[in-house]
């Protein structure tokens, strides 16, 4: 084989390794984004539930104070 071909083979291996590293990094990034979105959605749902609970408590207190119910 020529010298050119023997130098090309390691470059191809290095390119394949770099492509694999890039693929893994992108997958990790996507997983992190998905996890962050899930946590955000959970916080929104908890906040919404808490707000509804406070609203219900306030409504009940209003009925008790003004109507004796």
C-alpha atoms as a PDB file:
ATOM      1  CA  UNK A   1       0.000   0.000   0.000  1.00  0.00           C
ATOM      2  CA  UNK A   2       1.038   3.491  -0.537  1.00  0.00           C
ATOM      3  CA  UNK A   3       2.019   5.885   2.189  1.00  0.00           C
ATOM      4  CA  UNK A   4      -1.084   7.944   1.422  1.00  0.00           C
ATOM      5  CA  UNK A   5      -3.375   4.962   2.109  1.00  0.00           C
ATOM      6  CA  UNK A   6      -1.633   4.046   5.363  1.00  0.00           C
ATOM      7  CA  UNK A   7      -2.102   7.607   6.642  1.00  0.00           C
ATOM      8  CA  UNK A   8      -5.745   7.689   5.522  1.00  0.00           C
ATOM      9  CA  UNK A   9      -6.791   4.632   7.529  1.00  0.00           C
ATOM     10  CA  UNK A  10      -6.000   6.175  10.960  1.00  0.00           C
ATOM     11  CA  UNK A  11      -7.779   9.347   9.872  1.00  0.00           C
ATOM     12  CA  UNK A  12     -10.881   7.319   9.035  1.00  0.00           C
ATOM     13  CA  UNK A  13     -10.724   5.622  12.423  1.00  0.00           C
ATOM     14  CA  UNK A  14     -10.351   8.975  14.139  1.00  0.00           C
ATOM     15  CA  UNK A  15     -13.294  10.362  12.162  1.00  0.00           C
ATOM     16  CA  UNK A  16     -15.425   7.356  13.135  1.00  0.00           C
ATOM     17  CA  UNK A  17     -14.479   7.799  16.792  1.00  0.00           C
ATOM     18  CA  UNK A  18     -15.289  11.515  16.626  1.00  0.00           C
ATOM     19  CA  UNK A  19     -18.648  10.751  15.007  1.00  0.00           C
ATOM     20  CA  UNK A  20     -19.432   8.267  17.783  1.00  0.00           C
ATOM     21  CA  UNK A  21     -18.450  10.792  20.471  1.00  0.00           C
ATOM     22  CA  UNK A  22     -20.631  13.411  18.811  1.00  0.00           C
ATOM     23  CA  UNK A  23     -23.560  11.002  18.652  1.00  0.00           C
ATOM     24  CA  UNK A  24     -23.212  10.126  22.348  1.00  0.00           C
ATOM     25  CA  UNK A  25     -22.959  13.808  23.314  1.00  0.00           C
ATOM     26  CA  UNK A  26     -26.104  14.633  21.322  1.00  0.00           C
ATOM     27  CA  UNK A  27     -27.985  11.752  22.964  1.00  0.00           C
ATOM     28  CA  UNK A  28     -26.876  12.924  26.421  1.00  0.00           C
ATOM     29  CA  UNK A  29     -27.998  16.452  25.570  1.00  0.00           C
ATOM     30  CA  UNK A  30     -31.393  15.231  24.375  1.00  0.00           C
ATOM     31  CA  UNK A  31     -31.825  13.151  27.530  1.00  0.00           C
ATOM     32  CA  UNK A  32     -30.940  16.148  29.708  1.00  0.00           C
ATOM     33  CA  UNK A  33     -33.396  18.361  27.860  1.00  0.00           C
ATOM     34  CA  UNK A  34     -36.138  15.749  28.256  1.00  0.00           C
ATOM     35  CA  UNK A  35     -35.411  15.411  31.966  1.00  0.00           C
ATOM     36  CA  UNK A  36     -35.460  19.188  32.444  1.00  0.00           C
ATOM     37  CA  UNK A  37     -38.771  19.448  30.586  1.00  0.00           C
ATOM     38  CA  UNK A  38     -40.283  16.705  32.751  1.00  0.00           C
ATOM     39  CA  UNK A  39     -39.163  18.488  35.936  1.00  0.00           C
ATOM     40  CA  UNK A  40     -40.563  21.789  34.647  1.00  0.00           C
ATOM     41  CA  UNK A  41     -43.908  20.151  33.822  1.00  0.00           C
ATOM     42  CA  UNK A  42     -44.012  18.567  37.279  1.00  0.00           C
ATOM     43  CA  UNK A  43     -43.367  21.938  38.949  1.00  0.00           C
ATOM     44  CA  UNK A  44     -46.114  23.549  36.885  1.00  0.00           C
ATOM     45  CA  UNK A  45     -48.600  20.820  37.816  1.00  0.00           C
ATOM     46  CA  UNK A  46     -47.718  21.024  41.525  1.00  0.00           C
ATOM     47  CA  UNK A  47     -48.035  24.820  41.470  1.00  0.00           C
ATOM     48  CA  UNK A  48     -51.380  24.578  39.710  1.00  0.00           C
ATOM     49  CA  UNK A  49     -52.653  22.042  42.253  1.00  0.00           C
ATOM     50  CA  UNK A  50     -51.461  24.209  45.142  1.00  0.00           C
ATOM     51  CA  UNK A  51     -53.153  27.275  43.657  1.00  0.00           C
ATOM     52  CA  UNK A  52     -56.431  25.362  43.273  1.00  0.00           C
ATOM     53  CA  UNK A  53     -56.184  24.141  46.863  1.00  0.00           C
ATOM     54  CA  UNK A  54     -55.640  27.677  48.174  1.00  0.00           C
ATOM     55  CA  UNK A  55     -58.504  28.946  46.029  1.00  0.00           C
ATOM     56  CA  UNK A  56     -60.786  26.278  47.486  1.00  0.00           C
ATOM     57  CA  UNK A  57     -59.689  27.113  51.039  1.00  0.00           C
ATOM     58  CA  UNK A  58     -60.306  30.803  50.422  1.00  0.00           C
ATOM     59  CA  UNK A  59     -63.734  30.138  48.927  1.00  0.00           C
ATOM     60  CA  UNK A  60     -64.680  27.939  51.881  1.00  0.00           C
ATOM     61  CA  UNK A  61     -63.445  30.555  54.364  1.00  0.00           C
ATOM     62  CA  UNK A  62     -65.433  33.277  52.535  1.00  0.00           C
ATOM     63  CA  UNK A  63     -68.596  31.164  52.720  1.00  0.00           C
ATOM     64  CA  UNK A  64     -68.013  30.508  56.412  1.00  0.00           C
ATOM     65  CA  UNK A  65     -67.358  34.181  57.268  1.00  0.00           C
ATOM     66  CA  UNK A  66     -70.172  35.736  55.214  1.00  0.00           C
ATOM     67  CA  UNK A  67     -72.809  33.016  55.139  1.00  0.00           C
ATOM     68  CA  UNK A  68     -72.047  30.874  58.152  1.00  0.00           C
ATOM     69  CA  UNK A  69     -71.836  27.792  55.943  1.00  0.00           C
END
